[in-house]
Amino acid sequence: MARYELIAHDRAGRPHGRPVFVTASSPGEAVMVGGPTLRRVTARDHTHADLYAVYRHRRVRGRRLVGAFLPDGPGDGLAGVREPRRPLPAPPSLRAEAEPPAYPDN
């Protein structure tokens, strides 16, 4: 498990509020775990987060940006949903038949 830092950013890309540190196995899981805390921080400070930046902390290399996520907001929740594709048609059959001889043997 790695240590991640979540920071809320405004529309101009400036960070605001205090960062939230979480331990998770992936950046997406870090947003799921730290998201409620980050929302409480932005609500307390009366600010609005347009983007969550996720940084991974390493001992030797310091922190490194690993992802940017949009916060949960109002919407219909159907992003990325599409109609299922129709199945492909069956391939043509591969039957081999011998042609009848041109002149029958009688």
C-alpha atoms as a PDB file:
ATOM      1  CA  MET A   1       0.000   0.000   0.000  1.00  0.00           C
ATOM      2  CA  ALA A   2       1.251   3.443  -0.905  1.00  0.00           C
ATOM      3  CA  ARG A   3       0.749   6.833   0.693  1.00  0.00           C
ATOM      4  CA  TYR A   4      -1.158   9.396  -1.373  1.00  0.00           C
ATOM      5  CA  GLU A   5      -1.901  13.102  -0.943  1.00  0.00           C
ATOM      6  CA  LEU A   6      -5.165  14.556  -2.272  1.00  0.00           C
ATOM      7  CA  ILE A   7      -5.448  18.275  -2.939  1.00  0.00           C
ATOM      8  CA  ALA A   8      -8.528  20.141  -4.187  1.00  0.00           C
ATOM      9  CA  HIS A   9      -7.973  22.602  -7.047  1.00  0.00           C
ATOM     10  CA  ASP A  10     -10.221  25.420  -8.251  1.00  0.00           C
ATOM     11  CA  ARG A  11     -11.166  26.213 -11.843  1.00  0.00           C
ATOM     12  CA  ALA A  12      -7.943  28.185 -12.415  1.00  0.00           C
ATOM     13  CA  GLY A  13      -5.833  25.231 -11.261  1.00  0.00           C
ATOM     14  CA  ARG A  14      -4.765  26.740  -7.948  1.00  0.00           C
ATOM     15  CA  PRO A  15      -4.769  24.408  -4.938  1.00  0.00           C
ATOM     16  CA  HIS A  16      -6.899  25.429  -1.994  1.00  0.00           C
ATOM     17  CA  GLY A  17      -7.732  23.932   1.364  1.00  0.00           C
ATOM     18  CA  ARG A  18      -5.531  21.560   3.269  1.00  0.00           C
ATOM     19  CA  PRO A  19      -4.282  18.313   1.745  1.00  0.00           C
ATOM     20  CA  VAL A  20      -5.641  14.933   2.820  1.00  0.00           C
ATOM     21  CA  PHE A  21      -3.225  12.020   3.263  1.00  0.00           C
ATOM     22  CA  VAL A  22      -4.467   8.452   2.756  1.00  0.00           C
ATOM     23  CA  THR A  23      -2.967   4.993   2.383  1.00  0.00           C
ATOM     24  CA  ALA A  24      -4.339   3.016  -0.570  1.00  0.00           C
ATOM     25  CA  SER A  25      -3.297   0.531  -3.238  1.00  0.00           C
ATOM     26  CA  SER A  26      -4.097   2.779  -6.247  1.00  0.00           C
ATOM     27  CA  PRO A  27      -4.827   6.449  -7.021  1.00  0.00           C
ATOM     28  CA  GLY A  28      -8.489   5.642  -7.696  1.00  0.00           C
ATOM     29  CA  GLU A  29      -8.861   3.940  -4.342  1.00  0.00           C
ATOM     30  CA  ALA A  30      -7.177   6.927  -2.696  1.00  0.00           C
ATOM     31  CA  VAL A  31      -9.882   9.209  -4.135  1.00  0.00           C
ATOM     32  CA  MET A  32     -12.601   6.840  -2.918  1.00  0.00           C
ATOM     33  CA  VAL A  33     -11.136   6.740   0.594  1.00  0.00           C
ATOM     34  CA  GLY A  34     -10.139  10.406   0.914  1.00  0.00           C
ATOM     35  CA  GLY A  35     -12.960  11.946  -1.117  1.00  0.00           C
ATOM     36  CA  PRO A  36     -15.468  12.334   1.740  1.00  0.00           C
ATOM     37  CA  THR A  37     -12.830  14.006   3.932  1.00  0.00           C
ATOM     38  CA  LEU A  38     -11.796  16.326   1.099  1.00  0.00           C
ATOM     39  CA  ARG A  39     -15.445  17.284   0.493  1.00  0.00           C
ATOM     40  CA  ARG A  40     -15.863  18.137   4.194  1.00  0.00           C
ATOM     41  CA  VAL A  41     -12.729  20.312   4.071  1.00  0.00           C
ATOM     42  CA  THR A  42     -13.933  22.249   1.015  1.00  0.00           C
ATOM     43  CA  ALA A  43     -17.423  22.659   2.540  1.00  0.00           C
ATOM     44  CA  ARG A  44     -15.917  23.945   5.770  1.00  0.00           C
ATOM     45  CA  ASP A  45     -13.762  26.482   3.902  1.00  0.00           C
ATOM     46  CA  HIS A  46     -16.724  27.539   1.689  1.00  0.00           C
ATOM     47  CA  THR A  47     -14.783  26.744  -1.468  1.00  0.00           C
ATOM     48  CA  HIS A  48     -15.574  24.677  -4.539  1.00  0.00           C
ATOM     49  CA  ALA A  49     -13.306  21.928  -5.886  1.00  0.00           C
ATOM     50  CA  ASP A  50     -13.239  21.465  -9.657  1.00  0.00           C
ATOM     51  CA  LEU A  51     -10.468  18.887  -9.625  1.00  0.00           C
ATOM     52  CA  TYR A  52      -8.779  16.494  -7.183  1.00  0.00           C
ATOM     53  CA  ALA A  53      -5.044  16.098  -7.758  1.00  0.00           C
ATOM     54  CA  VAL A  54      -3.514  12.887  -6.404  1.00  0.00           C
ATOM     55  CA  TYR A  55       0.180  12.793  -5.523  1.00  0.00           C
ATOM     56  CA  ARG A  56       2.118   9.707  -4.474  1.00  0.00           C
ATOM     57  CA  HIS A  57       4.688  10.167  -1.743  1.00  0.00           C
ATOM     58  CA  ARG A  58       7.974   8.274  -2.032  1.00  0.00           C
ATOM     59  CA  ARG A  59      10.894   8.260   0.349  1.00  0.00           C
ATOM     60  CA  VAL A  60      13.622   8.939  -2.184  1.00  0.00           C
ATOM     61  CA  ARG A  61      11.969  10.874  -5.024  1.00  0.00           C
ATOM     62  CA  GLY A  62       9.502  12.964  -3.029  1.00  0.00           C
ATOM     63  CA  ARG A  63       5.959  13.469  -4.298  1.00  0.00           C
ATOM     64  CA  ARG A  64       4.848  12.823  -7.847  1.00  0.00           C
ATOM     65  CA  LEU A  65       1.522  13.576  -9.572  1.00  0.00           C
ATOM     66  CA  VAL A  66      -0.179  10.276 -10.428  1.00  0.00           C
ATOM     67  CA  GLY A  67      -3.716  11.336 -11.307  1.00  0.00           C
ATOM     68  CA  ALA A  68      -6.365  14.016 -11.551  1.00  0.00           C
ATOM     69  CA  PHE A  69      -9.998  13.199 -10.861  1.00  0.00           C
ATOM     70  CA  LEU A  70     -13.225  15.153 -11.144  1.00  0.00           C
ATOM     71  CA  PRO A  71     -15.199  15.356  -7.908  1.00  0.00           C
ATOM     72  CA  ASP A  72     -18.635  13.823  -7.668  1.00  0.00           C
ATOM     73  CA  GLY A  73     -21.142  16.379  -8.792  1.00  0.00           C
ATOM     74  CA  PRO A  74     -24.678  16.596 -10.036  1.00  0.00           C
ATOM     75  CA  GLY A  75     -25.311  14.648 -13.179  1.00  0.00           C
ATOM     76  CA  ASP A  76     -27.285  11.774 -14.561  1.00  0.00           C
ATOM     77  CA  GLY A  77     -24.528   9.234 -13.857  1.00  0.00           C
ATOM     78  CA  LEU A  78     -24.585   7.861 -17.395  1.00  0.00           C
ATOM     79  CA  ALA A  79     -21.159   8.982 -18.526  1.00  0.00           C
ATOM     80  CA  GLY A  80     -19.630   6.393 -20.798  1.00  0.00           C
ATOM     81  CA  VAL A  81     -22.772   4.264 -21.102  1.00  0.00           C
ATOM     82  CA  ARG A  82     -23.680   3.280 -24.613  1.00  0.00           C
ATOM     83  CA  GLU A  83     -25.892   0.826 -26.396  1.00  0.00           C
ATOM     84  CA  PRO A  84     -24.493  -2.674 -26.670  1.00  0.00           C
ATOM     85  CA  ARG A  85     -23.144  -3.655 -30.043  1.00  0.00           C
ATOM     86  CA  ARG A  86     -24.919  -6.136 -32.235  1.00  0.00           C
ATOM     87  CA  PRO A  87     -23.151  -9.467 -32.647  1.00  0.00           C
ATOM     88  CA  LEU A  88     -21.061  -9.935 -35.761  1.00  0.00           C
ATOM     89  CA  PRO A  89     -22.626 -11.995 -38.531  1.00  0.00           C
ATOM     90  CA  ALA A  90     -21.605 -15.624 -38.781  1.00  0.00           C
ATOM     91  CA  PRO A  91     -18.731 -16.318 -41.164  1.00  0.00           C
ATOM     92  CA  PRO A  92     -19.606 -18.015 -44.455  1.00  0.00           C
ATOM     93  CA  SER A  93     -19.546 -21.780 -44.381  1.00  0.00           C
ATOM     94  CA  LEU A  94     -16.560 -23.553 -45.821  1.00  0.00           C
ATOM     95  CA  ARG A  95     -18.144 -26.473 -47.652  1.00  0.00           C
ATOM     96  CA  ALA A  96     -16.265 -28.157 -50.460  1.00  0.00           C
ATOM     97  CA  GLU A  97     -18.174 -30.126 -53.068  1.00  0.00           C
ATOM     98  CA  ALA A  98     -16.791 -31.914 -56.071  1.00  0.00           C
ATOM     99  CA  GLU A  99     -18.043 -30.577 -59.372  1.00  0.00           C
ATOM    100  CA  PRO A 100     -19.988 -33.062 -61.508  1.00  0.00           C
ATOM    101  CA  PRO A 101     -17.925 -34.333 -64.441  1.00  0.00           C
ATOM    102  CA  ALA A 102     -18.488 -32.614 -67.769  1.00  0.00           C
ATOM    103  CA  TYR A 103     -18.972 -35.930 -69.657  1.00  0.00           C
ATOM    104  CA  PRO A 104     -20.399 -38.785 -67.633  1.00  0.00           C
ATOM    105  CA  ASP A 105     -18.771 -42.191 -68.107  1.00  0.00           C
ATOM    106  CA  ASN A 106     -21.347 -44.621 -69.595  1.00  0.00           C
END
